[in-house]
PDB file of N, CA and C in Angstrom:
ATOM      1  N   GLN A   1       8.907   2.474  89.600  1.00  0.00           N
ATOM      2  CA  GLN A   1       8.710   2.675  88.113  1.00  0.00           C
ATOM      3  C   GLN A   1       9.377   1.575  87.375  1.00  0.00           C
ATOM      4  N   VAL A   2       8.674   0.906  86.393  1.00  0.00           N
ATOM      5  CA  VAL A   2       8.996  -0.205  85.614  1.00  0.00           C
ATOM      6  C   VAL A   2      10.064   0.227  84.716  1.00  0.00           C
ATOM      7  N   GLN A   3      11.134  -0.522  84.721  1.00  0.00           N
ATOM      8  CA  GLN A   3      12.320  -0.315  83.750  1.00  0.00           C
ATOM      9  C   GLN A   3      12.647  -1.431  82.971  1.00  0.00           C
ATOM     10  N   LEU A   4      12.778  -1.133  81.656  1.00  0.00           N
ATOM     11  CA  LEU A   4      13.157  -2.266  80.698  1.00  0.00           C
ATOM     12  C   LEU A   4      14.295  -1.917  79.994  1.00  0.00           C
ATOM     13  N   VAL A   5      15.356  -2.898  80.073  1.00  0.00           N
ATOM     14  CA  VAL A   5      16.667  -2.706  79.582  1.00  0.00           C
ATOM     15  C   VAL A   5      17.000  -3.676  78.441  1.00  0.00           C
ATOM     16  N   GLU A   6      17.223  -3.149  77.318  1.00  0.00           N
ATOM     17  CA  GLU A   6      17.595  -4.038  76.084  1.00  0.00           C
ATOM     18  C   GLU A   6      19.122  -4.249  75.994  1.00  0.00           C
ATOM     19  N   SER A   7      19.404  -5.377  75.482  1.00  0.00           N
ATOM     20  CA  SER A   7      20.828  -5.482  75.129  1.00  0.00           C
ATOM     21  C   SER A   7      20.906  -6.648  74.047  1.00  0.00           C
ATOM     22  N   GLY A   8      22.070  -6.844  73.453  1.00  0.00           N
ATOM     23  CA  GLY A   8      22.207  -7.759  72.384  1.00  0.00           C
ATOM     24  C   GLY A   8      22.414  -7.207  70.959  1.00  0.00           C
ATOM     25  N   GLY A   9      22.217  -5.928  70.764  1.00  0.00           N
ATOM     26  CA  GLY A   9      22.372  -5.232  69.634  1.00  0.00           C
ATOM     27  C   GLY A   9      23.833  -5.124  69.131  1.00  0.00           C
ATOM     28  N   GLY A  10      24.149  -4.953  67.982  1.00  0.00           N
ATOM     29  CA  GLY A  10      25.363  -4.781  67.287  1.00  0.00           C
ATOM     30  C   GLY A  10      25.470  -4.690  65.879  1.00  0.00           C
ATOM     31  N   SER A  11      26.526  -4.932  65.310  1.00  0.00           N
ATOM     32  CA  SER A  11      26.743  -4.936  63.908  1.00  0.00           C
ATOM     33  C   SER A  11      27.190  -6.167  63.306  1.00  0.00           C
ATOM     34  N   VAL A  12      26.446  -6.657  62.390  1.00  0.00           N
ATOM     35  CA  VAL A  12      26.551  -7.976  61.635  1.00  0.00           C
ATOM     36  C   VAL A  12      26.379  -7.943  60.188  1.00  0.00           C
ATOM     37  N   GLN A  13      27.019  -8.881  59.410  1.00  0.00           N
ATOM     38  CA  GLN A  13      26.757  -8.876  57.983  1.00  0.00           C
ATOM     39  C   GLN A  13      25.396  -9.517  57.675  1.00  0.00           C
ATOM     40  N   ALA A  14      24.928  -9.077  56.430  1.00  0.00           N
ATOM     41  CA  ALA A  14      23.715  -9.758  55.963  1.00  0.00           C
ATOM     42  C   ALA A  14      23.764 -11.210  56.072  1.00  0.00           C
ATOM     43  N   GLY A  15      22.656 -11.850  56.595  1.00  0.00           N
ATOM     44  CA  GLY A  15      22.733 -13.336  56.650  1.00  0.00           C
ATOM     45  C   GLY A  15      22.999 -13.795  57.971  1.00  0.00           C
ATOM     46  N   GLY A  16      23.590 -12.931  58.739  1.00  0.00           N
ATOM     47  CA  GLY A  16      23.899 -13.325  60.160  1.00  0.00           C
ATOM     48  C   GLY A  16      22.750 -13.254  61.197  1.00  0.00           C
ATOM     49  N   SER A  17      23.051 -13.434  62.377  1.00  0.00           N
ATOM     50  CA  SER A  17      22.115 -13.572  63.458  1.00  0.00           C
ATOM     51  C   SER A  17      22.477 -12.716  64.624  1.00  0.00           C
ATOM     52  N   LEU A  18      21.440 -12.290  65.207  1.00  0.00           N
ATOM     53  CA  LEU A  18      21.622 -11.700  66.660  1.00  0.00           C
ATOM     54  C   LEU A  18      20.349 -12.117  67.575  1.00  0.00           C
ATOM     55  N   ARG A  19      20.675 -12.097  68.776  1.00  0.00           N
ATOM     56  CA  ARG A  19      19.654 -12.275  69.770  1.00  0.00           C
ATOM     57  C   ARG A  19      19.518 -11.085  70.796  1.00  0.00           C
ATOM     58  N   LEU A  20      18.387 -10.474  70.689  1.00  0.00           N
ATOM     59  CA  LEU A  20      18.144  -9.333  71.715  1.00  0.00           C
ATOM     60  C   LEU A  20      17.476  -9.808  72.825  1.00  0.00           C
ATOM     61  N   SER A  21      17.864  -9.268  74.086  1.00  0.00           N
ATOM     62  CA  SER A  21      17.199  -9.573  75.385  1.00  0.00           C
ATOM     63  C   SER A  21      16.830  -8.299  75.974  1.00  0.00           C
ATOM     64  N   CYS A  22      15.777  -8.437  76.654  1.00  0.00           N
ATOM     65  CA  CYS A  22      15.152  -7.392  77.517  1.00  0.00           C
ATOM     66  C   CYS A  22      14.813  -7.778  78.863  1.00  0.00           C
ATOM     67  N   VAL A  23      15.395  -7.158  79.890  1.00  0.00           N
ATOM     68  CA  VAL A  23      15.212  -7.493  81.203  1.00  0.00           C
ATOM     69  C   VAL A  23      14.237  -6.407  81.792  1.00  0.00           C
ATOM     70  N   VAL A  24      13.331  -6.926  82.593  1.00  0.00           N
ATOM     71  CA  VAL A  24      12.337  -6.045  83.127  1.00  0.00           C
ATOM     72  C   VAL A  24      12.487  -6.071  84.580  1.00  0.00           C
ATOM     73  N   SER A  25      12.234  -4.945  85.209  1.00  0.00           N
ATOM     74  CA  SER A  25      12.334  -4.656  86.734  1.00  0.00           C
ATOM     75  C   SER A  25      11.296  -5.262  87.589  1.00  0.00           C
ATOM     76  N   GLU A  26      10.256  -5.599  86.923  1.00  0.00           N
ATOM     77  CA  GLU A  26       9.095  -6.316  87.606  1.00  0.00           C
ATOM     78  C   GLU A  26       8.664  -7.656  86.945  1.00  0.00           C
ATOM     79  N   TYR A  27       7.984  -8.465  87.810  1.00  0.00           N
ATOM     80  CA  TYR A  27       7.590  -9.578  87.310  1.00  0.00           C
ATOM     81  C   TYR A  27       6.882  -9.663  85.953  1.00  0.00           C
ATOM     82  N   THR A  28       7.429 -10.161  85.024  1.00  0.00           N
ATOM     83  CA  THR A  28       6.905 -10.071  83.669  1.00  0.00           C
ATOM     84  C   THR A  28       5.407 -10.724  83.617  1.00  0.00           C
ATOM     85  N   VAL A  29       5.149 -11.647  84.470  1.00  0.00           N
ATOM     86  CA  VAL A  29       3.880 -12.380  84.473  1.00  0.00           C
ATOM     87  C   VAL A  29       2.820 -11.320  84.698  1.00  0.00           C
ATOM     88  N   ARG A  30       3.103 -10.108  85.040  1.00  0.00           N
ATOM     89  CA  ARG A  30       2.155  -8.950  85.209  1.00  0.00           C
ATOM     90  C   ARG A  30       1.704  -8.350  83.967  1.00  0.00           C
ATOM     91  N   PHE A  31       2.535  -8.602  82.927  1.00  0.00           N
ATOM     92  CA  PHE A  31       2.341  -7.936  81.736  1.00  0.00           C
ATOM     93  C   PHE A  31       1.738  -8.982  80.701  1.00  0.00           C
ATOM     94  N   TYR A  32       0.423  -8.756  80.413  1.00  0.00           N
ATOM     95  CA  TYR A  32      -0.137  -9.521  79.430  1.00  0.00           C
ATOM     96  C   TYR A  32       0.562  -9.685  78.184  1.00  0.00           C
ATOM     97  N   CYS A  33       0.921  -8.497  77.573  1.00  0.00           N
ATOM     98  CA  CYS A  33       1.598  -8.475  76.314  1.00  0.00           C
ATOM     99  C   CYS A  33       2.929  -7.891  76.487  1.00  0.00           C
ATOM    100  N   MET A  34       3.978  -8.448  75.709  1.00  0.00           N
ATOM    101  CA  MET A  34       5.158  -7.960  75.588  1.00  0.00           C
ATOM    102  C   MET A  34       5.613  -7.925  74.116  1.00  0.00           C
ATOM    103  N   ALA A  35       6.491  -6.983  73.629  1.00  0.00           N
ATOM    104  CA  ALA A  35       6.616  -6.850  72.327  1.00  0.00           C
ATOM    105  C   ALA A  35       7.924  -6.078  71.973  1.00  0.00           C
ATOM    106  N   TRP A  36       8.354  -6.223  70.728  1.00  0.00           N
ATOM    107  CA  TRP A  36       9.581  -5.680  70.094  1.00  0.00           C
ATOM    108  C   TRP A  36       9.073  -4.708  69.109  1.00  0.00           C
ATOM    109  N   PHE A  37       9.577  -3.560  69.007  1.00  0.00           N
ATOM    110  CA  PHE A  37       9.391  -2.430  67.956  1.00  0.00           C
ATOM    111  C   PHE A  37      10.745  -2.006  67.571  1.00  0.00           C
ATOM    112  N   ARG A  38      10.607  -1.468  66.358  1.00  0.00           N
ATOM    113  CA  ARG A  38      11.992  -0.895  65.897  1.00  0.00           C
ATOM    114  C   ARG A  38      11.779   0.414  65.001  1.00  0.00           C
ATOM    115  N   GLN A  39      12.683   1.290  64.975  1.00  0.00           N
ATOM    116  CA  GLN A  39      12.537   2.435  64.342  1.00  0.00           C
ATOM    117  C   GLN A  39      13.869   2.745  63.417  1.00  0.00           C
ATOM    118  N   ALA A  40      13.922   2.689  62.181  1.00  0.00           N
ATOM    119  CA  ALA A  40      14.960   3.015  61.250  1.00  0.00           C
ATOM    120  C   ALA A  40      15.121   4.456  61.131  1.00  0.00           C
ATOM    121  N   PRO A  41      16.334   4.872  60.841  1.00  0.00           N
ATOM    122  CA  PRO A  41      16.476   6.416  60.752  1.00  0.00           C
ATOM    123  C   PRO A  41      15.566   7.072  59.533  1.00  0.00           C
ATOM    124  N   GLY A  42      14.978   8.013  59.940  1.00  0.00           N
ATOM    125  CA  GLY A  42      14.004   8.626  58.965  1.00  0.00           C
ATOM    126  C   GLY A  42      12.717   7.951  58.698  1.00  0.00           C
ATOM    127  N   LYS A  43      12.530   6.972  59.589  1.00  0.00           N
ATOM    128  CA  LYS A  43      11.140   6.241  59.415  1.00  0.00           C
ATOM    129  C   LYS A  43      10.462   6.151  60.732  1.00  0.00           C
ATOM    130  N   GLU A  44       9.211   5.720  60.674  1.00  0.00           N
ATOM    131  CA  GLU A  44       8.236   5.629  61.872  1.00  0.00           C
ATOM    132  C   GLU A  44       8.559   4.305  62.569  1.00  0.00           C
ATOM    133  N   ARG A  45       8.373   4.336  63.737  1.00  0.00           N
ATOM    134  CA  ARG A  45       8.402   3.112  64.614  1.00  0.00           C
ATOM    135  C   ARG A  45       7.436   2.074  64.259  1.00  0.00           C
ATOM    136  N   GLU A  46       7.780   0.853  64.112  1.00  0.00           N
ATOM    137  CA  GLU A  46       6.949  -0.182  63.662  1.00  0.00           C
ATOM    138  C   GLU A  46       7.036  -1.448  64.619  1.00  0.00           C
ATOM    139  N   GLY A  47       5.917  -2.044  64.692  1.00  0.00           N
ATOM    140  CA  GLY A  47       5.955  -3.390  65.563  1.00  0.00           C
ATOM    141  C   GLY A  47       6.537  -4.423  64.833  1.00  0.00           C
ATOM    142  N   VAL A  48       7.512  -5.190  65.520  1.00  0.00           N
ATOM    143  CA  VAL A  48       8.105  -6.270  64.951  1.00  0.00           C
ATOM    144  C   VAL A  48       7.447  -7.679  65.359  1.00  0.00           C
ATOM    145  N   ALA A  49       7.301  -7.826  66.641  1.00  0.00           N
ATOM    146  CA  ALA A  49       6.896  -8.989  67.092  1.00  0.00           C
ATOM    147  C   ALA A  49       6.177  -8.872  68.519  1.00  0.00           C
ATOM    148  N   SER A  50       5.147  -9.608  68.896  1.00  0.00           N
ATOM    149  CA  SER A  50       4.707  -9.496  70.176  1.00  0.00           C
ATOM    150  C   SER A  50       4.255 -10.892  70.739  1.00  0.00           C
ATOM    151  N   ILE A  51       4.266 -10.956  72.027  1.00  0.00           N
ATOM    152  CA  ILE A  51       3.910 -12.228  72.682  1.00  0.00           C
ATOM    153  C   ILE A  51       2.968 -12.096  73.751  1.00  0.00           C
ATOM    154  N   GLU A  52       1.815 -12.853  73.920  1.00  0.00           N
ATOM    155  CA  GLU A  52       1.020 -12.611  74.915  1.00  0.00           C
ATOM    156  C   GLU A  52       1.274 -13.641  76.078  1.00  0.00           C
ATOM    157  N   TYR A  53       0.672 -13.446  77.247  1.00  0.00           N
ATOM    158  CA  TYR A  53       1.131 -14.365  78.374  1.00  0.00           C
ATOM    159  C   TYR A  53       0.830 -15.684  78.080  1.00  0.00           C
ATOM    160  N   ILE A  54      -0.177 -16.005  77.218  1.00  0.00           N
ATOM    161  CA  ILE A  54      -0.361 -17.389  76.943  1.00  0.00           C
ATOM    162  C   ILE A  54       0.648 -17.881  75.867  1.00  0.00           C
ATOM    163  N   GLU A  55       1.400 -16.930  75.459  1.00  0.00           N
ATOM    164  CA  GLU A  55       2.510 -17.294  74.391  1.00  0.00           C
ATOM    165  C   GLU A  55       1.986 -17.368  72.974  1.00  0.00           C
ATOM    166  N   ARG A  56       0.917 -16.663  72.774  1.00  0.00           N
ATOM    167  CA  ARG A  56       0.440 -16.521  71.336  1.00  0.00           C
ATOM    168  C   ARG A  56       1.360 -15.291  70.841  1.00  0.00           C
ATOM    169  N   THR A  57       1.885 -15.589  69.647  1.00  0.00           N
ATOM    170  CA  THR A  57       2.854 -14.598  69.049  1.00  0.00           C
ATOM    171  C   THR A  57       2.305 -14.091  67.640  1.00  0.00           C
ATOM    172  N   THR A  58       2.752 -12.761  67.356  1.00  0.00           N
ATOM    173  CA  THR A  58       2.394 -12.236  66.154  1.00  0.00           C
ATOM    174  C   THR A  58       3.652 -11.614  65.495  1.00  0.00           C
ATOM    175  N   TYR A  59       3.745 -11.545  64.221  1.00  0.00           N
ATOM    176  CA  TYR A  59       5.057 -10.978  63.663  1.00  0.00           C
ATOM    177  C   TYR A  59       4.662 -10.095  62.504  1.00  0.00           C
ATOM    178  N   ALA A  60       5.388  -9.059  62.365  1.00  0.00           N
ATOM    179  CA  ALA A  60       5.366  -8.258  61.104  1.00  0.00           C
ATOM    180  C   ALA A  60       5.763  -9.062  59.831  1.00  0.00           C
ATOM    181  N   GLU A  61       4.976  -8.872  58.819  1.00  0.00           N
ATOM    182  CA  GLU A  61       5.294  -9.605  57.663  1.00  0.00           C
ATOM    183  C   GLU A  61       6.695  -9.684  57.158  1.00  0.00           C
ATOM    184  N   SER A  62       7.297  -8.667  57.423  1.00  0.00           N
ATOM    185  CA  SER A  62       8.731  -8.484  56.996  1.00  0.00           C
ATOM    186  C   SER A  62       9.759  -9.268  57.750  1.00  0.00           C
ATOM    187  N   VAL A  63       9.261  -9.845  58.983  1.00  0.00           N
ATOM    188  CA  VAL A  63      10.245 -10.738  59.683  1.00  0.00           C
ATOM    189  C   VAL A  63       9.738 -12.092  59.832  1.00  0.00           C
ATOM    190  N   LYS A  64       8.513 -12.455  59.358  1.00  0.00           N
ATOM    191  CA  LYS A  64       8.056 -13.834  59.522  1.00  0.00           C
ATOM    192  C   LYS A  64       8.968 -14.752  58.966  1.00  0.00           C
ATOM    193  N   GLY A  65       9.158 -15.854  59.760  1.00  0.00           N
ATOM    194  CA  GLY A  65      10.101 -16.898  59.398  1.00  0.00           C
ATOM    195  C   GLY A  65      11.648 -16.728  59.682  1.00  0.00           C
ATOM    196  N   ARG A  66      11.831 -15.405  59.971  1.00  0.00           N
ATOM    197  CA  ARG A  66      13.274 -15.106  60.406  1.00  0.00           C
ATOM    198  C   ARG A  66      13.404 -14.784  61.855  1.00  0.00           C
ATOM    199  N   PHE A  67      12.417 -14.245  62.362  1.00  0.00           N
ATOM    200  CA  PHE A  67      12.596 -13.688  63.773  1.00  0.00           C
ATOM    201  C   PHE A  67      11.669 -14.485  64.733  1.00  0.00           C
ATOM    202  N   THR A  68      12.158 -14.802  66.024  1.00  0.00           N
ATOM    203  CA  THR A  68      11.321 -15.515  66.828  1.00  0.00           C
ATOM    204  C   THR A  68      11.300 -14.744  68.138  1.00  0.00           C
ATOM    205  N   VAL A  69      10.194 -14.551  68.750  1.00  0.00           N
ATOM    206  CA  VAL A  69      10.055 -13.706  69.983  1.00  0.00           C
ATOM    207  C   VAL A  69       9.626 -14.766  71.024  1.00  0.00           C
ATOM    208  N   SER A  70      10.278 -14.704  72.244  1.00  0.00           N
ATOM    209  CA  SER A  70       9.925 -15.522  73.318  1.00  0.00           C
ATOM    210  C   SER A  70      10.058 -14.716  74.631  1.00  0.00           C
ATOM    211  N   ARG A  71       9.414 -15.180  75.754  1.00  0.00           N
ATOM    212  CA  ARG A  71       9.521 -14.673  76.917  1.00  0.00           C
ATOM    213  C   ARG A  71       9.826 -15.807  78.035  1.00  0.00           C
ATOM    214  N   ASP A  72      10.511 -15.410  79.005  1.00  0.00           N
ATOM    215  CA  ASP A  72      10.846 -16.227  80.142  1.00  0.00           C
ATOM    216  C   ASP A  72      10.432 -15.536  81.537  1.00  0.00           C
ATOM    217  N   ASN A  73       9.242 -15.805  81.930  1.00  0.00           N
ATOM    218  CA  ASN A  73       8.686 -15.132  83.083  1.00  0.00           C
ATOM    219  C   ASN A  73       9.493 -15.450  84.358  1.00  0.00           C
ATOM    220  N   ALA A  74      10.189 -16.475  84.385  1.00  0.00           N
ATOM    221  CA  ALA A  74      11.089 -16.928  85.508  1.00  0.00           C
ATOM    222  C   ALA A  74      12.294 -15.934  85.566  1.00  0.00           C
ATOM    223  N   LYS A  75      12.566 -15.511  84.392  1.00  0.00           N
ATOM    224  CA  LYS A  75      13.774 -14.515  84.319  1.00  0.00           C
ATOM    225  C   LYS A  75      13.310 -13.030  84.115  1.00  0.00           C
ATOM    226  N   ASN A  76      12.045 -12.875  84.019  1.00  0.00           N
ATOM    227  CA  ASN A  76      11.556 -11.527  83.852  1.00  0.00           C
ATOM    228  C   ASN A  76      12.155 -10.955  82.541  1.00  0.00           C
ATOM    229  N   SER A  77      12.181 -11.791  81.495  1.00  0.00           N
ATOM    230  CA  SER A  77      12.856 -11.340  80.366  1.00  0.00           C
ATOM    231  C   SER A  77      12.067 -11.606  79.011  1.00  0.00           C
ATOM    232  N   LEU A  78      12.373 -10.921  78.075  1.00  0.00           N
ATOM    233  CA  LEU A  78      11.851 -10.861  76.691  1.00  0.00           C
ATOM    234  C   LEU A  78      12.913 -11.130  75.710  1.00  0.00           C
ATOM    235  N   TYR A  79      12.817 -11.940  74.722  1.00  0.00           N
ATOM    236  CA  TYR A  79      13.906 -12.162  73.746  1.00  0.00           C
ATOM    237  C   TYR A  79      13.340 -12.003  72.299  1.00  0.00           C
ATOM    238  N   LEU A  80      14.388 -11.744  71.510  1.00  0.00           N
ATOM    239  CA  LEU A  80      14.089 -11.703  70.030  1.00  0.00           C
ATOM    240  C   LEU A  80      15.198 -12.439  69.317  1.00  0.00           C
ATOM    241  N   GLN A  81      15.006 -13.486  68.856  1.00  0.00           N
ATOM    242  CA  GLN A  81      16.104 -14.109  67.959  1.00  0.00           C
ATOM    243  C   GLN A  81      15.835 -13.713  66.509  1.00  0.00           C
ATOM    244  N   MET A  82      16.963 -13.167  65.987  1.00  0.00           N
ATOM    245  CA  MET A  82      16.908 -12.629  64.617  1.00  0.00           C
ATOM    246  C   MET A  82      17.889 -13.460  63.614  1.00  0.00           C
ATOM    247  N   ASN A  83      17.432 -14.085  62.788  1.00  0.00           N
ATOM    248  CA  ASN A  83      18.134 -14.890  61.816  1.00  0.00           C
ATOM    249  C   ASN A  83      18.100 -14.234  60.384  1.00  0.00           C
ATOM    250  N   SER A  84      19.007 -14.701  59.509  1.00  0.00           N
ATOM    251  CA  SER A  84      18.827 -14.251  58.102  1.00  0.00           C
ATOM    252  C   SER A  84      18.707 -12.779  58.014  1.00  0.00           C
ATOM    253  N   LEU A  85      19.514 -11.926  58.852  1.00  0.00           N
ATOM    254  CA  LEU A  85      19.333 -10.629  58.794  1.00  0.00           C
ATOM    255  C   LEU A  85      19.649  -9.910  57.453  1.00  0.00           C
ATOM    256  N   LYS A  86      18.943  -8.878  57.242  1.00  0.00           N
ATOM    257  CA  LYS A  86      18.973  -8.080  55.969  1.00  0.00           C
ATOM    258  C   LYS A  86      19.419  -6.588  56.338  1.00  0.00           C
ATOM    259  N   PRO A  87      19.952  -5.976  55.509  1.00  0.00           N
ATOM    260  CA  PRO A  87      20.280  -4.524  55.601  1.00  0.00           C
ATOM    261  C   PRO A  87      19.020  -3.676  56.109  1.00  0.00           C
ATOM    262  N   GLU A  88      17.865  -4.060  55.598  1.00  0.00           N
ATOM    263  CA  GLU A  88      16.645  -3.306  55.902  1.00  0.00           C
ATOM    264  C   GLU A  88      16.179  -3.670  57.295  1.00  0.00           C
ATOM    265  N   ASP A  89      16.853  -4.475  58.101  1.00  0.00           N
ATOM    266  CA  ASP A  89      16.592  -4.690  59.553  1.00  0.00           C
ATOM    267  C   ASP A  89      17.321  -3.693  60.376  1.00  0.00           C
ATOM    268  N   THR A  90      18.183  -3.002  59.658  1.00  0.00           N
ATOM    269  CA  THR A  90      18.982  -1.936  60.449  1.00  0.00           C
ATOM    270  C   THR A  90      17.989  -0.903  61.196  1.00  0.00           C
ATOM    271  N   ALA A  91      18.034  -0.941  62.468  1.00  0.00           N
ATOM    272  CA  ALA A  91      17.156  -0.001  63.212  1.00  0.00           C
ATOM    273  C   ALA A  91      17.537   0.032  64.785  1.00  0.00           C
ATOM    274  N   THR A  92      16.958   0.884  65.522  1.00  0.00           N
ATOM    275  CA  THR A  92      16.905   0.736  66.966  1.00  0.00           C
ATOM    276  C   THR A  92      15.852  -0.060  67.406  1.00  0.00           C
ATOM    277  N   TYR A  93      16.055  -1.123  68.243  1.00  0.00           N
ATOM    278  CA  TYR A  93      15.188  -2.004  68.518  1.00  0.00           C
ATOM    279  C   TYR A  93      14.607  -1.769  70.120  1.00  0.00           C
ATOM    280  N   TYR A  94      13.213  -1.774  70.336  1.00  0.00           N
ATOM    281  CA  TYR A  94      12.783  -1.351  71.605  1.00  0.00           C
ATOM    282  C   TYR A  94      11.952  -2.426  72.090  1.00  0.00           C
ATOM    283  N   CYS A  95      12.132  -2.632  73.359  1.00  0.00           N
ATOM    284  CA  CYS A  95      11.297  -3.599  74.126  1.00  0.00           C
ATOM    285  C   CYS A  95      10.092  -2.798  74.752  1.00  0.00           C
ATOM    286  N   ALA A  96       9.009  -3.350  74.835  1.00  0.00           N
ATOM    287  CA  ALA A  96       7.820  -2.767  75.416  1.00  0.00           C
ATOM    288  C   ALA A  96       6.830  -3.853  76.049  1.00  0.00           C
ATOM    289  N   ALA A  97       6.063  -3.301  77.097  1.00  0.00           N
ATOM    290  CA  ALA A  97       5.242  -4.141  77.758  1.00  0.00           C
ATOM    291  C   ALA A  97       3.858  -3.373  78.186  1.00  0.00           C
ATOM    292  N   THR A  98       2.810  -4.060  78.193  1.00  0.00           N
ATOM    293  CA  THR A  98       1.496  -3.600  78.696  1.00  0.00           C
ATOM    294  C   THR A  98       0.865  -4.587  79.494  1.00  0.00           C
ATOM    295  N   HIS A  99      -0.087  -4.163  80.470  1.00  0.00           N
ATOM    296  CA  HIS A  99      -0.825  -4.971  81.126  1.00  0.00           C
ATOM    297  C   HIS A  99      -2.122  -5.540  80.380  1.00  0.00           C
ATOM    298  N   GLY A 100      -2.401  -4.727  79.283  1.00  0.00           N
ATOM    299  CA  GLY A 100      -3.466  -5.058  78.538  1.00  0.00           C
ATOM    300  C   GLY A 100      -3.122  -5.871  77.265  1.00  0.00           C
ATOM    301  N   MET A 101      -4.097  -5.996  76.320  1.00  0.00           N
ATOM    302  CA  MET A 101      -4.059  -6.817  75.382  1.00  0.00           C
ATOM    303  C   MET A 101      -3.008  -6.320  74.195  1.00  0.00           C
ATOM    304  N   CYS A 102      -2.487  -7.058  73.519  1.00  0.00           N
ATOM    305  CA  CYS A 102      -1.505  -6.555  72.415  1.00  0.00           C
ATOM    306  C   CYS A 102      -2.437  -5.843  71.456  1.00  0.00           C
ATOM    307  N   GLY A 103      -1.791  -4.578  70.977  1.00  0.00           N
ATOM    308  CA  GLY A 103      -2.677  -3.837  70.085  1.00  0.00           C
ATOM    309  C   GLY A 103      -3.460  -2.657  70.807  1.00  0.00           C
ATOM    310  N   SER A 104      -3.344  -2.700  72.081  1.00  0.00           N
ATOM    311  CA  SER A 104      -4.038  -1.651  72.914  1.00  0.00           C
ATOM    312  C   SER A 104      -3.174  -0.508  73.267  1.00  0.00           C
ATOM    313  N   GLY A 105      -1.926  -0.662  72.909  1.00  0.00           N
ATOM    314  CA  GLY A 105      -0.976   0.473  73.129  1.00  0.00           C
ATOM    315  C   GLY A 105      -0.029  -0.089  74.348  1.00  0.00           C
ATOM    316  N   MET A 106       1.318   0.244  74.313  1.00  0.00           N
ATOM    317  CA  MET A 106       2.221  -0.245  75.308  1.00  0.00           C
ATOM    318  C   MET A 106       2.371   0.779  76.386  1.00  0.00           C
ATOM    319  N   ASP A 107       2.510   0.291  77.650  1.00  0.00           N
ATOM    320  CA  ASP A 107       2.655   1.170  78.858  1.00  0.00           C
ATOM    321  C   ASP A 107       4.103   1.545  79.133  1.00  0.00           C
ATOM    322  N   TYR A 108       4.910   0.625  78.829  1.00  0.00           N
ATOM    323  CA  TYR A 108       6.276   0.840  79.386  1.00  0.00           C
ATOM    324  C   TYR A 108       7.251   0.544  78.146  1.00  0.00           C
ATOM    325  N   TRP A 109       8.347   1.301  78.085  1.00  0.00           N
ATOM    326  CA  TRP A 109       9.331   1.213  76.963  1.00  0.00           C
ATOM    327  C   TRP A 109      10.739   1.179  77.568  1.00  0.00           C
ATOM    328  N   GLY A 110      11.564   0.511  76.755  1.00  0.00           N
ATOM    329  CA  GLY A 110      12.998   0.473  77.046  1.00  0.00           C
ATOM    330  C   GLY A 110      13.606   1.600  76.155  1.00  0.00           C
ATOM    331  N   LYS A 111      14.835   1.832  76.415  1.00  0.00           N
ATOM    332  CA  LYS A 111      15.452   2.851  75.648  1.00  0.00           C
ATOM    333  C   LYS A 111      16.131   2.415  74.316  1.00  0.00           C
ATOM    334  N   GLY A 112      16.169   1.143  74.061  1.00  0.00           N
ATOM    335  CA  GLY A 112      16.406   0.701  72.742  1.00  0.00           C
ATOM    336  C   GLY A 112      17.989   0.140  72.682  1.00  0.00           C
ATOM    337  N   THR A 113      18.226  -0.624  71.627  1.00  0.00           N
ATOM    338  CA  THR A 113      19.385  -1.243  71.341  1.00  0.00           C
ATOM    339  C   THR A 113      19.676  -1.146  69.697  1.00  0.00           C
ATOM    340  N   LEU A 114      20.879  -0.778  69.410  1.00  0.00           N
ATOM    341  CA  LEU A 114      20.960  -0.535  67.943  1.00  0.00           C
ATOM    342  C   LEU A 114      21.479  -1.756  67.232  1.00  0.00           C
ATOM    343  N   VAL A 115      20.845  -2.053  66.149  1.00  0.00           N
ATOM    344  CA  VAL A 115      21.146  -3.148  65.184  1.00  0.00           C
ATOM    345  C   VAL A 115      21.555  -2.649  63.949  1.00  0.00           C
ATOM    346  N   SER A 116      22.708  -3.096  63.394  1.00  0.00           N
ATOM    347  CA  SER A 116      23.107  -2.459  62.139  1.00  0.00           C
ATOM    348  C   SER A 116      23.671  -3.631  61.168  1.00  0.00           C
ATOM    349  N   ILE A 117      22.997  -3.902  60.136  1.00  0.00           N
ATOM    350  CA  ILE A 117      23.225  -4.849  59.225  1.00  0.00           C
ATOM    351  C   ILE A 117      23.887  -4.429  57.970  1.00  0.00           C
ATOM    352  N   SER A 118      25.141  -4.844  57.644  1.00  0.00           N
ATOM    353  CA  SER A 118      25.843  -4.401  56.426  1.00  0.00           C
ATOM    354  C   SER A 118      25.587  -5.455  55.265  1.00  0.00           C
ATOM    355  N   SER A 119      25.709  -5.046  54.178  1.00  0.00           N
ATOM    356  CA  SER A 119      25.498  -5.820  52.937  1.00  0.00           C
ATOM    357  C   SER A 119      26.726  -6.592  52.407  1.00  0.00           C
TER     358      SER A 119
END
């Protein structure tokens, strides 16, 4: 069974930075698309950023220019560098992966890591 484990969440002030990591129990080269999602209290889960095996990336409009997604297949890991954080970035962040194309639905999910941004 594939396991994804996120880390790096925490509490920071607005304007600060955090780097989320996700370690996968299988070779990440097997997953064409990997992505980060988030869910704020009382809101629906939303996609934040995705990265394909060929390292083509996409971002939600709300995080463009502030967040950077990357993957290291040698370490079976996915990362999300978050800069210039805003209170509205507060959410639980989830790592996800699929063997298919981005946008086709994710097959595997982590349990999440909490990010809290204070003003």
